[in-house]
């Protein structure tokens, strides 16, 4: 037993009674582990099966994204935001566009493009939460949810593809000018149809998970935190709302953005700050996103009726989208003119020079507050770009919430904080 990694027996010099000292074991968790997101390495200090310490090792995906953005003009930096949290693409693009628009002092919260952004931000929120809940369930042992979730994600990615040509890395949003020519009546009808059918899938996931005895045993009182922890660690999004902090940038009238100020929706908070509360909040937020999307589509039709679109209202919406003003708005470029073609090419290839200024704009991304700080210096490239990602703050919490839990709970804890390493390493 003297050479055992678990136990060491040493005689006590003061008396002849043998004492037993436990030696902890160090164990690598990941990056090969399926629950470790591919590039997460955790060095665990275990006392038997009980976790005493978690030391995250990151940087395996580091690309220097911020410096790459500073080396390109403002428009060329946009696609990098798709590759940070590659499950919440357009939400991150939105923050970057808001920061550029703030530098230019050109913010319009009621234009057609802003309403389009609101719809696709909520599509992105559903995309993220579906993957978060389904993969969380799979890591714990429930397989059914991932098949339902990925079937619905395919439909949402088709909406991405129809407006941008890409399923994931859309690069769809543009500061000030945005090409909405592919945002047609048929797409709106399909989004409305998806909203109706998605509630059935959400209900199936709810029935399989929410009241499942094993699921509740694996999540309730696992990874519990309090308000002080949220404040000290800078936690936002679902994690902060799970302890009762009612902070949502979409709802706060001083920090709101896009078209959320004109919509009627609610935020959800928990009470216990455990993994089960965070699961319930994500489920409720997906249902609320459907409500926001329906209201935004109705607002596009300039209707005051907040009910589901009837057949008559859809016909009115179609006629609105087919009006010459709308078509003229989305087809500004006249490529029959060489001068216009040259101007268009120079505008999008060289970019625009922005006078010296600084701005910080944040959005309520699915994982939490995602913010971009831009510093301009009278050139067509940002002098400094600093990105505030929620997952980097949330990963620091892992050591605190893991301590005292079993090794089997670690997969549940990684799933409940919903981390993606593109925005941690960046």
Foldseek 3Di string as FASTA:
>chain_A
DCPDQFWHWDADPVDRDIDIDTHWDWDWDDPVHPLNQNFWIWTFTDNPQFTAFIDIDGQPPFDPLFVVQQVAFLLVSLLLQCQQQQLQRLQSSVQSLVFVCVLVVHADQDDPVLLVSLLLNLLSLLSQLLCLLQVLCVLLPDHPSVVLSVVLLVLSLVLLCQQQVGSTSRSQDDRPDGQRVSVALVSLVSLLVSLVVVVVSLVVVCVVALPDPSNCVLWPPALWDEQVVCVVLVAFALLNQACPPQDAQCPPPVRHGRNSVVDDFDAHGHHGSILSSSSVRSSVSSNRSSLSNQQSLLVCLVDPDSDGDDPVSSVSSNVSCPDPVNVCSNCVQDVVDPVSVVVVCCCSRQHDFGDFDWDKHWHQHSLGTKIWIFTHHRGSGTNGIDIDDNQLSLVVCLGVSSRRDGNSSSSSSSSSSSDNSSNNSD
